[in-house]
N, C-alpha and C. Protein backbone atom coordinates (compact mmCIF):
# COMPACT_ATOMS: atom_id res chain seq x y z
N UNK A 1 -10.44 -18.96 -5.83
CA UNK A 1 -9.72 -17.89 -5.18
C UNK A 1 -10.64 -17.19 -4.21
N UNK A 2 -10.27 -17.23 -2.97
CA UNK A 2 -11.17 -16.69 -1.97
C UNK A 2 -10.72 -15.36 -1.41
N UNK A 3 -9.43 -15.08 -1.43
CA UNK A 3 -8.96 -13.83 -0.84
C UNK A 3 -8.25 -12.99 -1.89
N UNK A 4 -8.07 -11.74 -1.54
CA UNK A 4 -7.35 -10.82 -2.42
C UNK A 4 -5.92 -11.32 -2.66
N UNK A 5 -5.30 -11.84 -1.60
CA UNK A 5 -3.94 -12.39 -1.72
C UNK A 5 -3.89 -13.57 -2.68
N UNK A 6 -4.90 -14.44 -2.62
CA UNK A 6 -4.97 -15.57 -3.55
C UNK A 6 -5.11 -15.07 -4.98
N UNK A 7 -5.94 -14.07 -5.17
CA UNK A 7 -6.16 -13.51 -6.50
C UNK A 7 -4.86 -12.92 -7.05
N UNK A 8 -4.17 -12.17 -6.22
CA UNK A 8 -2.90 -11.57 -6.64
C UNK A 8 -1.85 -12.60 -6.97
N UNK A 9 -1.74 -13.63 -6.13
CA UNK A 9 -0.76 -14.70 -6.38
C UNK A 9 -1.09 -15.45 -7.67
N UNK A 10 -2.37 -15.70 -7.90
CA UNK A 10 -2.78 -16.36 -9.14
C UNK A 10 -2.40 -15.50 -10.35
N UNK A 11 -2.70 -14.21 -10.28
CA UNK A 11 -2.37 -13.30 -11.37
C UNK A 11 -0.87 -13.24 -11.63
N UNK A 12 -0.07 -13.24 -10.57
CA UNK A 12 1.38 -13.21 -10.74
C UNK A 12 1.89 -14.49 -11.39
N UNK A 13 1.29 -15.64 -11.07
CA UNK A 13 1.69 -16.90 -11.72
C UNK A 13 1.35 -16.87 -13.21
N UNK A 14 0.15 -16.39 -13.53
CA UNK A 14 -0.26 -16.29 -14.94
C UNK A 14 0.67 -15.33 -15.67
N UNK A 15 0.94 -14.18 -15.07
CA UNK A 15 1.80 -13.18 -15.70
C UNK A 15 3.20 -13.74 -15.93
N UNK A 16 3.76 -14.41 -14.94
CA UNK A 16 5.11 -14.97 -15.09
C UNK A 16 5.15 -15.97 -16.24
N UNK A 17 4.13 -16.80 -16.32
CA UNK A 17 4.07 -17.79 -17.40
C UNK A 17 4.01 -17.09 -18.76
N UNK A 18 3.17 -16.08 -18.89
CA UNK A 18 3.03 -15.36 -20.16
C UNK A 18 4.31 -14.62 -20.53
N UNK A 19 4.95 -14.01 -19.54
CA UNK A 19 6.19 -13.27 -19.81
C UNK A 19 7.31 -14.22 -20.23
N UNK A 20 7.41 -15.36 -19.56
CA UNK A 20 8.42 -16.35 -19.96
C UNK A 20 8.15 -16.87 -21.36
N UNK A 21 6.89 -17.10 -21.69
CA UNK A 21 6.53 -17.56 -23.03
C UNK A 21 6.90 -16.53 -24.09
N UNK A 22 6.94 -15.26 -23.69
CA UNK A 22 7.31 -14.18 -24.61
C UNK A 22 8.83 -13.96 -24.66
N UNK A 23 9.58 -14.78 -23.93
CA UNK A 23 11.04 -14.71 -23.99
C UNK A 23 11.71 -13.95 -22.87
N UNK A 24 10.95 -13.49 -21.91
CA UNK A 24 11.55 -12.77 -20.78
C UNK A 24 11.95 -13.77 -19.70
N UNK A 25 13.01 -13.45 -18.96
CA UNK A 25 13.45 -14.29 -17.84
C UNK A 25 12.94 -13.67 -16.54
N UNK A 26 12.34 -14.49 -15.70
CA UNK A 26 11.88 -14.04 -14.38
C UNK A 26 13.07 -14.14 -13.43
N UNK A 27 13.49 -13.02 -12.88
CA UNK A 27 14.63 -12.98 -11.97
C UNK A 27 14.21 -13.13 -10.51
N UNK A 28 13.08 -12.52 -10.16
CA UNK A 28 12.61 -12.56 -8.77
C UNK A 28 11.14 -12.16 -8.72
N UNK A 29 10.50 -12.51 -7.62
CA UNK A 29 9.10 -12.15 -7.39
C UNK A 29 8.99 -11.41 -6.06
N UNK A 30 8.08 -10.48 -6.02
CA UNK A 30 7.77 -9.73 -4.79
C UNK A 30 9.03 -9.15 -4.14
N UNK A 31 9.73 -8.34 -4.89
CA UNK A 31 10.97 -7.72 -4.43
C UNK A 31 10.63 -6.47 -3.64
N UNK A 32 11.03 -6.46 -2.38
CA UNK A 32 10.78 -5.31 -1.51
C UNK A 32 11.88 -4.27 -1.69
N UNK A 33 11.46 -3.04 -1.84
CA UNK A 33 12.37 -1.90 -1.93
C UNK A 33 11.77 -0.78 -1.09
N UNK A 34 12.58 0.22 -0.73
CA UNK A 34 12.01 1.34 0.02
C UNK A 34 10.83 1.96 -0.74
N UNK A 35 9.72 2.04 -0.09
CA UNK A 35 8.55 2.67 -0.69
C UNK A 35 7.68 1.76 -1.54
N UNK A 36 7.98 0.47 -1.56
CA UNK A 36 7.11 -0.38 -2.36
C UNK A 36 7.61 -1.78 -2.59
N UNK A 37 6.97 -2.42 -3.56
CA UNK A 37 7.30 -3.79 -3.92
C UNK A 37 7.18 -3.93 -5.43
N UNK A 38 8.08 -4.69 -6.01
CA UNK A 38 8.04 -5.01 -7.43
C UNK A 38 7.49 -6.41 -7.55
N UNK A 39 6.35 -6.56 -8.24
CA UNK A 39 5.69 -7.86 -8.33
C UNK A 39 6.58 -8.89 -9.02
N UNK A 40 7.07 -8.57 -10.20
CA UNK A 40 7.96 -9.46 -10.94
C UNK A 40 9.15 -8.66 -11.45
N UNK A 41 10.33 -9.17 -11.22
CA UNK A 41 11.54 -8.56 -11.73
C UNK A 41 12.03 -9.46 -12.86
N UNK A 42 12.20 -8.87 -14.04
CA UNK A 42 12.50 -9.67 -15.23
C UNK A 42 13.70 -9.11 -15.98
N UNK A 43 14.20 -9.95 -16.88
CA UNK A 43 15.24 -9.54 -17.82
C UNK A 43 14.66 -9.70 -19.21
N UNK A 44 14.80 -8.64 -20.02
CA UNK A 44 14.35 -8.67 -21.41
C UNK A 44 15.49 -8.10 -22.25
N UNK A 45 16.31 -8.97 -22.79
CA UNK A 45 17.52 -8.53 -23.48
C UNK A 45 18.44 -7.85 -22.49
N UNK A 46 18.82 -6.60 -22.78
CA UNK A 46 19.69 -5.85 -21.88
C UNK A 46 18.92 -5.11 -20.80
N UNK A 47 17.59 -5.13 -20.87
CA UNK A 47 16.77 -4.37 -19.93
C UNK A 47 16.42 -5.16 -18.67
N UNK A 48 16.47 -4.47 -17.54
CA UNK A 48 15.88 -4.96 -16.31
C UNK A 48 14.47 -4.40 -16.28
N UNK A 49 13.49 -5.27 -16.12
CA UNK A 49 12.10 -4.86 -16.22
C UNK A 49 11.39 -5.11 -14.89
N UNK A 50 10.78 -4.06 -14.35
CA UNK A 50 9.97 -4.14 -13.14
C UNK A 50 8.52 -4.22 -13.59
N UNK A 51 7.87 -5.33 -13.28
CA UNK A 51 6.52 -5.57 -13.78
C UNK A 51 5.50 -5.48 -12.64
N UNK A 52 4.53 -4.63 -12.83
CA UNK A 52 3.37 -4.55 -11.94
C UNK A 52 2.30 -5.46 -12.54
N UNK A 53 1.74 -6.32 -11.71
CA UNK A 53 0.69 -7.23 -12.16
C UNK A 53 -0.63 -6.78 -11.56
N UNK A 54 -1.63 -6.59 -12.42
CA UNK A 54 -2.98 -6.22 -11.97
C UNK A 54 -3.95 -7.30 -12.38
N UNK A 55 -4.63 -7.86 -11.41
CA UNK A 55 -5.61 -8.92 -11.67
C UNK A 55 -6.95 -8.46 -11.13
N UNK A 56 -7.99 -8.62 -11.97
CA UNK A 56 -9.33 -8.20 -11.57
C UNK A 56 -10.35 -9.24 -11.99
N UNK A 57 -11.37 -9.38 -11.16
CA UNK A 57 -12.55 -10.20 -11.49
C UNK A 57 -13.63 -9.27 -12.01
N UNK A 58 -13.53 -8.88 -13.25
CA UNK A 58 -14.50 -7.94 -13.80
C UNK A 58 -14.38 -7.90 -15.31
N UNK A 59 -15.04 -6.93 -15.91
CA UNK A 59 -15.03 -6.81 -17.37
C UNK A 59 -13.62 -6.56 -17.89
N UNK A 60 -13.31 -7.06 -19.08
CA UNK A 60 -11.97 -6.84 -19.66
C UNK A 60 -11.60 -5.37 -19.70
N UNK A 61 -10.35 -5.11 -19.39
CA UNK A 61 -9.84 -3.74 -19.43
C UNK A 61 -9.84 -3.04 -18.10
N UNK A 62 -10.60 -3.52 -17.13
CA UNK A 62 -10.70 -2.78 -15.87
C UNK A 62 -9.42 -2.87 -15.04
N UNK A 63 -8.66 -3.94 -15.17
CA UNK A 63 -7.41 -4.03 -14.42
C UNK A 63 -6.45 -2.93 -14.86
N UNK A 64 -6.34 -2.71 -16.16
CA UNK A 64 -5.46 -1.65 -16.67
C UNK A 64 -5.94 -0.27 -16.23
N UNK A 65 -7.24 -0.08 -16.20
CA UNK A 65 -7.80 1.21 -15.82
C UNK A 65 -7.56 1.54 -14.35
N UNK A 66 -7.22 0.52 -13.56
CA UNK A 66 -7.02 0.75 -12.12
C UNK A 66 -5.66 1.36 -11.80
N UNK A 67 -4.81 1.57 -12.79
CA UNK A 67 -3.47 2.11 -12.55
C UNK A 67 -3.48 3.62 -12.80
N UNK A 68 -3.52 4.36 -11.71
CA UNK A 68 -3.57 5.82 -11.77
C UNK A 68 -2.16 6.41 -11.98
N UNK A 69 -2.10 7.70 -12.20
CA UNK A 69 -0.81 8.39 -12.31
C UNK A 69 -0.02 8.25 -11.01
N UNK A 70 -0.71 8.28 -9.89
CA UNK A 70 -0.06 8.11 -8.59
C UNK A 70 0.57 6.73 -8.49
N UNK A 71 -0.15 5.70 -8.92
CA UNK A 71 0.37 4.34 -8.89
C UNK A 71 1.56 4.20 -9.84
N UNK A 72 1.47 4.80 -11.04
CA UNK A 72 2.59 4.75 -11.98
C UNK A 72 3.84 5.40 -11.38
N UNK A 73 3.65 6.50 -10.68
CA UNK A 73 4.78 7.17 -10.03
C UNK A 73 5.39 6.26 -8.96
N UNK A 74 4.56 5.56 -8.18
CA UNK A 74 5.07 4.62 -7.17
C UNK A 74 5.83 3.47 -7.82
N UNK A 75 5.32 2.99 -8.95
CA UNK A 75 5.99 1.91 -9.68
C UNK A 75 7.39 2.35 -10.10
N UNK A 76 7.50 3.56 -10.62
CA UNK A 76 8.79 4.07 -11.05
C UNK A 76 9.72 4.33 -9.86
N UNK A 77 9.18 4.83 -8.76
CA UNK A 77 10.03 5.04 -7.57
C UNK A 77 10.61 3.72 -7.10
N UNK A 78 9.80 2.67 -7.09
CA UNK A 78 10.30 1.35 -6.70
C UNK A 78 11.37 0.86 -7.68
N UNK A 79 11.14 1.06 -8.96
CA UNK A 79 12.12 0.64 -9.97
C UNK A 79 13.44 1.38 -9.78
N UNK A 80 13.37 2.70 -9.56
CA UNK A 80 14.59 3.48 -9.35
C UNK A 80 15.30 3.07 -8.06
N UNK A 81 14.54 2.77 -7.01
CA UNK A 81 15.14 2.31 -5.75
C UNK A 81 15.88 0.99 -5.97
N UNK A 82 15.27 0.09 -6.73
CA UNK A 82 15.92 -1.20 -7.02
C UNK A 82 17.19 -0.96 -7.84
N UNK A 83 17.11 -0.14 -8.88
CA UNK A 83 18.26 0.12 -9.73
C UNK A 83 19.40 0.74 -8.92
N UNK A 84 19.06 1.67 -8.04
CA UNK A 84 20.07 2.30 -7.20
C UNK A 84 20.72 1.28 -6.27
N UNK A 85 19.91 0.45 -5.65
CA UNK A 85 20.42 -0.57 -4.72
C UNK A 85 21.34 -1.57 -5.42
N UNK A 86 20.99 -1.93 -6.65
CA UNK A 86 21.72 -2.98 -7.37
C UNK A 86 22.76 -2.44 -8.35
N UNK A 87 22.88 -1.11 -8.45
CA UNK A 87 23.86 -0.52 -9.36
C UNK A 87 23.51 -0.69 -10.83
N UNK A 88 22.22 -0.66 -11.15
CA UNK A 88 21.75 -0.82 -12.52
C UNK A 88 21.62 0.55 -13.17
N UNK A 89 22.11 0.66 -14.39
CA UNK A 89 22.00 1.90 -15.15
C UNK A 89 20.53 2.16 -15.46
N UNK A 90 19.98 3.31 -15.05
CA UNK A 90 18.57 3.61 -15.33
C UNK A 90 18.23 3.59 -16.83
N UNK A 91 19.23 3.74 -17.68
CA UNK A 91 18.98 3.66 -19.12
C UNK A 91 18.54 2.25 -19.54
N UNK A 92 18.87 1.27 -18.72
CA UNK A 92 18.49 -0.13 -18.99
C UNK A 92 17.36 -0.59 -18.10
N UNK A 93 16.56 0.34 -17.63
CA UNK A 93 15.46 0.05 -16.71
C UNK A 93 14.14 0.34 -17.41
N UNK A 94 13.18 -0.55 -17.19
CA UNK A 94 11.86 -0.38 -17.80
C UNK A 94 10.80 -0.80 -16.78
N UNK A 95 9.65 -0.16 -16.84
CA UNK A 95 8.51 -0.55 -16.02
C UNK A 95 7.39 -0.98 -16.96
N UNK A 96 6.90 -2.20 -16.75
CA UNK A 96 5.82 -2.76 -17.55
C UNK A 96 4.62 -3.04 -16.66
N UNK A 97 3.47 -3.19 -17.30
CA UNK A 97 2.24 -3.56 -16.61
C UNK A 97 1.69 -4.82 -17.27
N UNK A 98 1.41 -5.81 -16.46
CA UNK A 98 0.79 -7.04 -16.95
C UNK A 98 -0.61 -7.09 -16.38
N UNK A 99 -1.60 -7.13 -17.26
CA UNK A 99 -3.01 -7.09 -16.89
C UNK A 99 -3.62 -8.47 -17.04
N UNK A 100 -4.30 -8.92 -16.00
CA UNK A 100 -5.01 -10.20 -16.04
C UNK A 100 -6.47 -9.91 -15.65
N UNK A 101 -7.38 -10.07 -16.59
CA UNK A 101 -8.80 -9.92 -16.32
C UNK A 101 -9.43 -11.30 -16.29
N UNK A 102 -10.17 -11.59 -15.24
CA UNK A 102 -10.82 -12.89 -15.09
C UNK A 102 -12.29 -12.82 -15.47
N UNK A 103 -12.78 -13.93 -16.00
CA UNK A 103 -14.19 -14.04 -16.35
C UNK A 103 -15.03 -14.40 -15.14
N UNK A 104 -16.34 -14.55 -15.33
CA UNK A 104 -17.25 -14.81 -14.22
C UNK A 104 -16.97 -16.13 -13.49
N UNK A 105 -16.39 -17.09 -14.18
CA UNK A 105 -16.06 -18.37 -13.55
C UNK A 105 -14.67 -18.43 -12.97
N UNK A 106 -13.96 -17.30 -12.99
CA UNK A 106 -12.60 -17.26 -12.47
C UNK A 106 -11.55 -17.63 -13.49
N UNK A 107 -11.97 -17.90 -14.73
CA UNK A 107 -11.01 -18.24 -15.78
C UNK A 107 -10.36 -16.96 -16.32
N UNK A 108 -9.17 -17.12 -16.88
CA UNK A 108 -8.49 -15.98 -17.48
C UNK A 108 -9.23 -15.61 -18.76
N UNK A 109 -9.82 -14.42 -18.76
CA UNK A 109 -10.60 -13.96 -19.91
C UNK A 109 -9.77 -13.08 -20.84
N UNK A 110 -8.78 -12.38 -20.28
CA UNK A 110 -8.02 -11.42 -21.07
C UNK A 110 -6.70 -11.15 -20.37
N UNK A 111 -5.62 -11.09 -21.15
CA UNK A 111 -4.33 -10.64 -20.62
C UNK A 111 -3.77 -9.60 -21.58
N UNK A 112 -2.99 -8.71 -21.04
CA UNK A 112 -2.30 -7.72 -21.87
C UNK A 112 -0.98 -7.36 -21.19
N UNK A 113 0.05 -7.26 -22.00
CA UNK A 113 1.36 -6.84 -21.53
C UNK A 113 1.62 -5.45 -22.09
N UNK A 114 1.57 -4.46 -21.22
CA UNK A 114 1.80 -3.07 -21.61
C UNK A 114 3.24 -2.72 -21.27
N UNK A 115 4.02 -2.51 -22.28
CA UNK A 115 5.46 -2.28 -22.11
C UNK A 115 5.78 -0.79 -21.95
N UNK A 116 6.82 -0.55 -21.18
CA UNK A 116 7.39 0.80 -21.03
C UNK A 116 6.34 1.82 -20.58
N UNK A 117 5.79 1.59 -19.40
CA UNK A 117 4.85 2.53 -18.80
C UNK A 117 5.59 3.84 -18.52
N UNK A 118 5.01 4.93 -18.93
CA UNK A 118 5.67 6.23 -18.78
C UNK A 118 5.61 6.73 -17.34
N UNK A 119 6.65 7.44 -16.98
CA UNK A 119 6.69 8.13 -15.69
C UNK A 119 5.80 9.36 -15.82
N UNK A 120 4.83 9.52 -14.92
CA UNK A 120 3.94 10.70 -15.01
C UNK A 120 4.74 12.00 -14.89
N UNK A 121 4.29 13.03 -15.59
CA UNK A 121 4.97 14.32 -15.59
C UNK A 121 5.07 14.94 -14.20
N UNK A 122 4.05 14.73 -13.39
CA UNK A 122 4.00 15.39 -12.08
C UNK A 122 4.62 14.53 -10.97
N UNK A 123 5.33 13.47 -11.34
CA UNK A 123 5.92 12.57 -10.33
C UNK A 123 7.21 13.13 -9.79
């Protein structure tokens, strides 16, 4: 992986594979909405799930740490914009974070699926 785009695309492929293995259906990738983009759009039972994928070449855990309150608020704004556009009940909407940490050789060292990321209070 030589570019940031390559790294992100790789992480999204790994995340999609892991989410499908966990029983979620991938509905779409890189969904553009006003104010942002949803990396992976999934179905988990009755829930529509907007998944942010974070991939980092560093120590385990750093990808998750890179998601600030500001970023969480943007993730939720994108999710609400999608739900509004598609007529989805916000009660059936969820925002998840999929973390992919790579080891020194570029191998997947750690993954984590963080479900139901909270909307920051100040958003």
